[in-house]
Amino acid sequence: MKSSIYNAERLTIQSGGNLNGLFLRNNLIDYVNIVIAPLLVGGKDVSTLIDGESISSSKELNKLKALELIECNQFL
């Protein structure tokens, strides 16, 4: 569906886990590109790909979205 204001068919969002979580839980994500760099950064206070409130009951399971791997490219 095209936006009537900007005539756009796609929108790219490069954000952190909190905004990713909001978009996912409100079913506003159709397609995900994930780039994995050869470097891992972690820690208990480090944001993850999807942050935000946890799913706390079975009634909220509809907020989860299964992913399907469509393509995988390795860049050397």
PDB file of N, CA and C in Angstrom:
ATOM      1  N   MET A   1       0.843  -1.174   0.000  1.00  0.00           N
ATOM      2  CA  MET A   1       0.000   0.000   0.000  1.00  0.00           C
ATOM      3  C   MET A   1       0.889   1.239   0.000  1.00  0.00           C
ATOM      4  N   LYS A   2       0.632   2.159  -0.878  1.00  0.00           N
ATOM      5  CA  LYS A   2       1.409   3.385  -0.960  1.00  0.00           C
ATOM      6  C   LYS A   2       0.859   4.439  -0.012  1.00  0.00           C
ATOM      7  N   SER A   3       1.781   5.197   0.583  1.00  0.00           N
ATOM      8  CA  SER A   3       1.391   6.321   1.421  1.00  0.00           C
ATOM      9  C   SER A   3       0.860   7.431   0.518  1.00  0.00           C
ATOM     10  N   SER A   4      -0.243   8.021   0.891  1.00  0.00           N
ATOM     11  CA  SER A   4      -0.819   9.081   0.068  1.00  0.00           C
ATOM     12  C   SER A   4      -0.009  10.370   0.131  1.00  0.00           C
ATOM     13  N   ILE A   5       0.788  10.536   1.183  1.00  0.00           N
ATOM     14  CA  ILE A   5       1.566  11.765   1.324  1.00  0.00           C
ATOM     15  C   ILE A   5       2.898  11.674   0.591  1.00  0.00           C
ATOM     16  N   TYR A   6       3.633  10.572   0.793  1.00  0.00           N
ATOM     17  CA  TYR A   6       4.985  10.454   0.252  1.00  0.00           C
ATOM     18  C   TYR A   6       5.094   9.478  -0.908  1.00  0.00           C
ATOM     19  N   ASN A   7       4.005   8.826  -1.286  1.00  0.00           N
ATOM     20  CA  ASN A   7       4.006   7.872  -2.386  1.00  0.00           C
ATOM     21  C   ASN A   7       5.051   6.774  -2.162  1.00  0.00           C
ATOM     22  N   ALA A   8       5.211   6.331  -0.919  1.00  0.00           N
ATOM     23  CA  ALA A   8       6.222   5.331  -0.558  1.00  0.00           C
ATOM     24  C   ALA A   8       5.592   3.955  -0.400  1.00  0.00           C
ATOM     25  N   GLU A   9       6.296   2.937  -0.875  1.00  0.00           N
ATOM     26  CA  GLU A   9       5.855   1.561  -0.696  1.00  0.00           C
ATOM     27  C   GLU A   9       6.596   0.876   0.443  1.00  0.00           C
ATOM     28  N   ARG A  10       7.799   1.346   0.766  1.00  0.00           N
ATOM     29  CA  ARG A  10       8.604   0.745   1.819  1.00  0.00           C
ATOM     30  C   ARG A  10       9.187   1.830   2.716  1.00  0.00           C
ATOM     31  N   LEU A  11       9.390   1.435   3.957  1.00  0.00           N
ATOM     32  CA  LEU A  11      10.001   2.327   4.936  1.00  0.00           C
ATOM     33  C   LEU A  11      11.038   1.522   5.688  1.00  0.00           C
ATOM     34  N   THR A  12      12.243   2.044   5.793  1.00  0.00           N
ATOM     35  CA  THR A  12      13.307   1.377   6.531  1.00  0.00           C
ATOM     36  C   THR A  12      13.469   2.051   7.872  1.00  0.00           C
ATOM     37  N   ILE A  13      13.469   1.241   8.918  1.00  0.00           N
ATOM     38  CA  ILE A  13      13.652   1.747  10.273  1.00  0.00           C
ATOM     39  C   ILE A  13      14.918   1.128  10.834  1.00  0.00           C
ATOM     40  N   GLN A  14      15.872   1.952  11.163  1.00  0.00           N
ATOM     41  CA  GLN A  14      17.106   1.477  11.780  1.00  0.00           C
ATOM     42  C   GLN A  14      17.097   2.015  13.199  1.00  0.00           C
ATOM     43  N   SER A  15      16.710   1.150  14.113  1.00  0.00           N
ATOM     44  CA  SER A  15      16.512   1.619  15.481  1.00  0.00           C
ATOM     45  C   SER A  15      17.026   0.587  16.464  1.00  0.00           C
ATOM     46  N   GLY A  16      16.759   0.845  17.707  1.00  0.00           N
ATOM     47  CA  GLY A  16      17.152  -0.061  18.774  1.00  0.00           C
ATOM     48  C   GLY A  16      16.012  -0.970  19.182  1.00  0.00           C
ATOM     49  N   GLY A  17      16.281  -1.769  20.189  1.00  0.00           N
ATOM     50  CA  GLY A  17      15.352  -2.790  20.624  1.00  0.00           C
ATOM     51  C   GLY A  17      14.010  -2.277  21.090  1.00  0.00           C
ATOM     52  N   ASN A  18      13.961  -1.118  21.745  1.00  0.00           N
ATOM     53  CA  ASN A  18      12.672  -0.611  22.237  1.00  0.00           C
ATOM     54  C   ASN A  18      11.718  -0.272  21.097  1.00  0.00           C
ATOM     55  N   LEU A  19      12.200   0.466  20.112  1.00  0.00           N
ATOM     56  CA  LEU A  19      11.343   0.824  18.981  1.00  0.00           C
ATOM     57  C   LEU A  19      11.024  -0.403  18.136  1.00  0.00           C
ATOM     58  N   ASN A  20      11.996  -1.295  17.947  1.00  0.00           N
ATOM     59  CA  ASN A  20      11.737  -2.545  17.220  1.00  0.00           C
ATOM     60  C   ASN A  20      10.619  -3.326  17.906  1.00  0.00           C
ATOM     61  N   GLY A  21      10.665  -3.400  19.235  1.00  0.00           N
ATOM     62  CA  GLY A  21       9.641  -4.116  19.993  1.00  0.00           C
ATOM     63  C   GLY A  21       8.269  -3.503  19.834  1.00  0.00           C
ATOM     64  N   LEU A  22       8.187  -2.186  19.853  1.00  0.00           N
ATOM     65  CA  LEU A  22       6.896  -1.511  19.674  1.00  0.00           C
ATOM     66  C   LEU A  22       6.305  -1.797  18.303  1.00  0.00           C
ATOM     67  N   PHE A  23       7.132  -1.700  17.264  1.00  0.00           N
ATOM     68  CA  PHE A  23       6.648  -1.983  15.911  1.00  0.00           C
ATOM     69  C   PHE A  23       6.213  -3.431  15.778  1.00  0.00           C
ATOM     70  N   LEU A  24       6.979  -4.362  16.325  1.00  0.00           N
ATOM     71  CA  LEU A  24       6.649  -5.780  16.236  1.00  0.00           C
ATOM     72  C   LEU A  24       5.353  -6.097  16.968  1.00  0.00           C
ATOM     73  N   ARG A  25       5.208  -5.614  18.190  1.00  0.00           N
ATOM     74  CA  ARG A  25       4.026  -5.927  18.995  1.00  0.00           C
ATOM     75  C   ARG A  25       2.749  -5.268  18.475  1.00  0.00           C
ATOM     76  N   ASN A  26       2.913  -4.253  17.642  1.00  0.00           N
ATOM     77  CA  ASN A  26       1.740  -3.605  17.041  1.00  0.00           C
ATOM     78  C   ASN A  26       1.547  -4.035  15.584  1.00  0.00           C
ATOM     79  N   ASN A  27       2.202  -5.132  15.215  1.00  0.00           N
ATOM     80  CA  ASN A  27       2.062  -5.730  13.883  1.00  0.00           C
ATOM     81  C   ASN A  27       2.330  -4.733  12.760  1.00  0.00           C
ATOM     82  N   LEU A  28       3.368  -3.923  12.917  1.00  0.00           N
ATOM     83  CA  LEU A  28       3.714  -2.920  11.915  1.00  0.00           C
ATOM     84  C   LEU A  28       4.952  -3.306  11.114  1.00  0.00           C
ATOM     85  N   ILE A  29       5.412  -4.547  11.257  1.00  0.00           N
ATOM     86  CA  ILE A  29       6.590  -5.020  10.532  1.00  0.00           C
ATOM     87  C   ILE A  29       6.158  -6.131   9.581  1.00  0.00           C
ATOM     88  N   ASP A  30       6.463  -5.957   8.299  1.00  0.00           N
ATOM     89  CA  ASP A  30       6.160  -6.972   7.294  1.00  0.00           C
ATOM     90  C   ASP A  30       7.406  -7.741   6.881  1.00  0.00           C
ATOM     91  N   TYR A  31       8.564  -7.099   6.932  1.00  0.00           N
ATOM     92  CA  TYR A  31       9.785  -7.653   6.375  1.00  0.00           C
ATOM     93  C   TYR A  31      10.952  -7.192   7.233  1.00  0.00           C
ATOM     94  N   VAL A  32      11.873  -8.090   7.530  1.00  0.00           N
ATOM     95  CA  VAL A  32      13.008  -7.749   8.387  1.00  0.00           C
ATOM     96  C   VAL A  32      14.304  -8.098   7.674  1.00  0.00           C
ATOM     97  N   ASN A  33      15.204  -7.146   7.579  1.00  0.00           N
ATOM     98  CA  ASN A  33      16.570  -7.386   7.133  1.00  0.00           C
ATOM     99  C   ASN A  33      17.447  -7.346   8.374  1.00  0.00           C
ATOM    100  N   ILE A  34      18.165  -8.414   8.625  1.00  0.00           N
ATOM    101  CA  ILE A  34      19.051  -8.453   9.778  1.00  0.00           C
ATOM    102  C   ILE A  34      20.479  -8.589   9.274  1.00  0.00           C
ATOM    103  N   VAL A  35      21.325  -7.671   9.670  1.00  0.00           N
ATOM    104  CA  VAL A  35      22.741  -7.727   9.328  1.00  0.00           C
ATOM    105  C   VAL A  35      23.491  -8.136  10.579  1.00  0.00           C
ATOM    106  N   ILE A  36      24.233  -9.211  10.482  1.00  0.00           N
ATOM    107  CA  ILE A  36      25.019  -9.692  11.614  1.00  0.00           C
ATOM    108  C   ILE A  36      26.478  -9.410  11.323  1.00  0.00           C
ATOM    109  N   ALA A  37      27.070  -8.546  12.098  1.00  0.00           N
ATOM    110  CA  ALA A  37      28.482  -8.202  11.947  1.00  0.00           C
ATOM    111  C   ALA A  37      29.324  -9.198  12.737  1.00  0.00           C
ATOM    112  N   PRO A  38      30.556  -9.415  12.329  1.00  0.00           N
ATOM    113  CA  PRO A  38      31.404 -10.395  13.021  1.00  0.00           C
ATOM    114  C   PRO A  38      31.960  -9.873  14.349  1.00  0.00           C
ATOM    115  N   LEU A  39      31.076  -9.328  15.159  1.00  0.00           N
ATOM    116  CA  LEU A  39      31.474  -8.788  16.449  1.00  0.00           C
ATOM    117  C   LEU A  39      30.295  -8.910  17.392  1.00  0.00           C
ATOM    118  N   LEU A  40      30.513  -9.471  18.548  1.00  0.00           N
ATOM    119  CA  LEU A  40      29.447  -9.606  19.532  1.00  0.00           C
ATOM    120  C   LEU A  40      29.706  -8.658  20.686  1.00  0.00           C
ATOM    121  N   VAL A  41      28.677  -7.920  21.081  1.00  0.00           N
ATOM    122  CA  VAL A  41      28.756  -7.013  22.217  1.00  0.00           C
ATOM    123  C   VAL A  41      27.639  -7.415  23.158  1.00  0.00           C
ATOM    124  N   GLY A  42      27.950  -7.592  24.396  1.00  0.00           N
ATOM    125  CA  GLY A  42      26.915  -8.026  25.314  1.00  0.00           C
ATOM    126  C   GLY A  42      27.099  -7.462  26.698  1.00  0.00           C
ATOM    127  N   GLY A  43      26.197  -7.793  27.548  1.00  0.00           N
ATOM    128  CA  GLY A  43      26.206  -7.338  28.927  1.00  0.00           C
ATOM    129  C   GLY A  43      24.775  -7.236  29.410  1.00  0.00           C
ATOM    130  N   LYS A  44      24.598  -7.207  30.695  1.00  0.00           N
ATOM    131  CA  LYS A  44      23.234  -7.227  31.214  1.00  0.00           C
ATOM    132  C   LYS A  44      22.455  -5.958  30.888  1.00  0.00           C
ATOM    133  N   ASP A  45      23.115  -4.854  30.606  1.00  0.00           N
ATOM    134  CA  ASP A  45      22.421  -3.605  30.301  1.00  0.00           C
ATOM    135  C   ASP A  45      22.444  -3.260  28.812  1.00  0.00           C
ATOM    136  N   VAL A  46      22.858  -4.201  27.972  1.00  0.00           N
ATOM    137  CA  VAL A  46      22.939  -3.955  26.537  1.00  0.00           C
ATOM    138  C   VAL A  46      21.588  -4.277  25.891  1.00  0.00           C
ATOM    139  N   SER A  47      21.121  -3.379  25.049  1.00  0.00           N
ATOM    140  CA  SER A  47      19.861  -3.572  24.346  1.00  0.00           C
ATOM    141  C   SER A  47      19.968  -4.757  23.396  1.00  0.00           C
ATOM    142  N   THR A  48      18.867  -5.461  23.206  1.00  0.00           N
ATOM    143  CA  THR A  48      18.827  -6.568  22.257  1.00  0.00           C
ATOM    144  C   THR A  48      18.067  -6.139  21.012  1.00  0.00           C
ATOM    145  N   LEU A  49      17.908  -7.047  20.072  1.00  0.00           N
ATOM    146  CA  LEU A  49      17.202  -6.732  18.831  1.00  0.00           C
ATOM    147  C   LEU A  49      15.759  -6.318  19.101  1.00  0.00           C
ATOM    148  N   ILE A  50      15.103  -7.004  20.027  1.00  0.00           N
ATOM    149  CA  ILE A  50      13.723  -6.676  20.403  1.00  0.00           C
ATOM    150  C   ILE A  50      13.672  -6.501  21.916  1.00  0.00           C
ATOM    151  N   ASP A  51      13.502  -5.291  22.369  1.00  0.00           N
ATOM    152  CA  ASP A  51      13.346  -4.985  23.790  1.00  0.00           C
ATOM    153  C   ASP A  51      11.893  -4.616  24.056  1.00  0.00           C
ATOM    154  N   GLY A  52      11.620  -4.179  25.242  1.00  0.00           N
ATOM    155  CA  GLY A  52      10.275  -3.747  25.593  1.00  0.00           C
ATOM    156  C   GLY A  52       9.681  -4.677  26.627  1.00  0.00           C
ATOM    157  N   GLU A  53       8.391  -4.548  26.808  1.00  0.00           N
ATOM    158  CA  GLU A  53       7.694  -5.354  27.801  1.00  0.00           C
ATOM    159  C   GLU A  53       7.667  -6.812  27.388  1.00  0.00           C
ATOM    160  N   SER A  54       7.774  -7.693  28.369  1.00  0.00           N
ATOM    161  CA  SER A  54       7.736  -9.133  28.119  1.00  0.00           C
ATOM    162  C   SER A  54       6.307  -9.598  27.876  1.00  0.00           C
ATOM    163  N   ILE A  55       6.187 -10.690  27.152  1.00  0.00           N
ATOM    164  CA  ILE A  55       4.902 -11.359  27.009  1.00  0.00           C
ATOM    165  C   ILE A  55       4.626 -12.018  28.357  1.00  0.00           C
ATOM    166  N   SER A  56       3.509 -11.692  28.993  1.00  0.00           N
ATOM    167  CA  SER A  56       3.275 -12.159  30.355  1.00  0.00           C
ATOM    168  C   SER A  56       2.098 -13.127  30.493  1.00  0.00           C
ATOM    169  N   SER A  57       1.356 -13.359  29.411  1.00  0.00           N
ATOM    170  CA  SER A  57       0.248 -14.312  29.486  1.00  0.00           C
ATOM    171  C   SER A  57       0.022 -14.940  28.116  1.00  0.00           C
ATOM    172  N   SER A  58      -0.674 -16.062  28.107  1.00  0.00           N
ATOM    173  CA  SER A  58      -0.948 -16.748  26.840  1.00  0.00           C
ATOM    174  C   SER A  58      -1.854 -15.912  25.929  1.00  0.00           C
ATOM    175  N   LYS A  59      -2.599 -14.991  26.488  1.00  0.00           N
ATOM    176  CA  LYS A  59      -3.467 -14.116  25.684  1.00  0.00           C
ATOM    177  C   LYS A  59      -2.655 -13.190  24.787  1.00  0.00           C
ATOM    178  N   GLU A  60      -1.382 -12.956  25.147  1.00  0.00           N
ATOM    179  CA  GLU A  60      -0.528 -12.047  24.386  1.00  0.00           C
ATOM    180  C   GLU A  60       0.319 -12.756  23.331  1.00  0.00           C
ATOM    181  N   LEU A  61       0.171 -14.050  23.196  1.00  0.00           N
ATOM    182  CA  LEU A  61       0.980 -14.795  22.235  1.00  0.00           C
ATOM    183  C   LEU A  61       0.728 -14.349  20.798  1.00  0.00           C
ATOM    184  N   ASN A  62      -0.424 -13.768  20.530  1.00  0.00           N
ATOM    185  CA  ASN A  62      -0.703 -13.259  19.187  1.00  0.00           C
ATOM    186  C   ASN A  62       0.186 -12.069  18.831  1.00  0.00           C
ATOM    187  N   LYS A  63       0.884 -11.504  19.803  1.00  0.00           N
ATOM    188  CA  LYS A  63       1.801 -10.396  19.547  1.00  0.00           C
ATOM    189  C   LYS A  63       3.135 -10.879  18.989  1.00  0.00           C
ATOM    190  N   LEU A  64       3.386 -12.184  19.065  1.00  0.00           N
ATOM    191  CA  LEU A  64       4.613 -12.751  18.524  1.00  0.00           C
ATOM    192  C   LEU A  64       4.463 -12.954  17.029  1.00  0.00           C
ATOM    193  N   LYS A  65       5.556 -12.856  16.314  1.00  0.00           N
ATOM    194  CA  LYS A  65       5.508 -13.029  14.868  1.00  0.00           C
ATOM    195  C   LYS A  65       6.636 -13.966  14.458  1.00  0.00           C
ATOM    196  N   ALA A  66       6.274 -15.059  13.803  1.00  0.00           N
ATOM    197  CA  ALA A  66       7.275 -16.010  13.322  1.00  0.00           C
ATOM    198  C   ALA A  66       7.997 -15.416  12.119  1.00  0.00           C
ATOM    199  N   LEU A  67       9.287 -15.679  12.026  1.00  0.00           N
ATOM    200  CA  LEU A  67      10.087 -15.200  10.906  1.00  0.00           C
ATOM    201  C   LEU A  67      10.349 -16.340   9.939  1.00  0.00           C
ATOM    202  N   GLU A  68      10.477 -16.016   8.669  1.00  0.00           N
ATOM    203  CA  GLU A  68      10.818 -16.987   7.633  1.00  0.00           C
ATOM    204  C   GLU A  68      12.079 -16.501   6.941  1.00  0.00           C
ATOM    205  N   LEU A  69      13.108 -17.351   6.895  1.00  0.00           N
ATOM    206  CA  LEU A  69      14.345 -16.990   6.214  1.00  0.00           C
ATOM    207  C   LEU A  69      14.097 -17.068   4.712  1.00  0.00           C
ATOM    208  N   ILE A  70      14.234 -15.952   4.027  1.00  0.00           N
ATOM    209  CA  ILE A  70      13.997 -15.895   2.595  1.00  0.00           C
ATOM    210  C   ILE A  70      15.315 -15.976   1.837  1.00  0.00           C
ATOM    211  N   GLU A  71      16.346 -15.338   2.383  1.00  0.00           N
ATOM    212  CA  GLU A  71      17.619 -15.281   1.695  1.00  0.00           C
ATOM    213  C   GLU A  71      18.732 -15.097   2.704  1.00  0.00           C
ATOM    214  N   CYS A  72      19.885 -15.645   2.410  1.00  0.00           N
ATOM    215  CA  CYS A  72      21.053 -15.475   3.275  1.00  0.00           C
ATOM    216  C   CYS A  72      22.260 -15.223   2.389  1.00  0.00           C
ATOM    217  N   ASN A  73      22.930 -14.099   2.588  1.00  0.00           N
ATOM    218  CA  ASN A  73      24.116 -13.746   1.826  1.00  0.00           C
ATOM    219  C   ASN A  73      25.307 -13.631   2.768  1.00  0.00           C
ATOM    220  N   GLN A  74      26.410 -14.216   2.394  1.00  0.00           N
ATOM    221  CA  GLN A  74      27.632 -14.101   3.191  1.00  0.00           C
ATOM    222  C   GLN A  74      28.602 -13.198   2.443  1.00  0.00           C
ATOM    223  N   PHE A  75      29.057 -12.168   3.107  1.00  0.00           N
ATOM    224  CA  PHE A  75      30.010 -11.239   2.517  1.00  0.00           C
ATOM    225  C   PHE A  75      31.351 -11.465   3.177  1.00  0.00           C
ATOM    226  N   LEU A  76      32.355 -11.687   2.387  1.00  0.00           N
ATOM    227  CA  LEU A  76      33.702 -11.944   2.918  1.00  0.00           C
ATOM    228  C   LEU A  76      34.605 -10.763   2.679  1.00  0.00           C
TER     229      LEU A  76
END
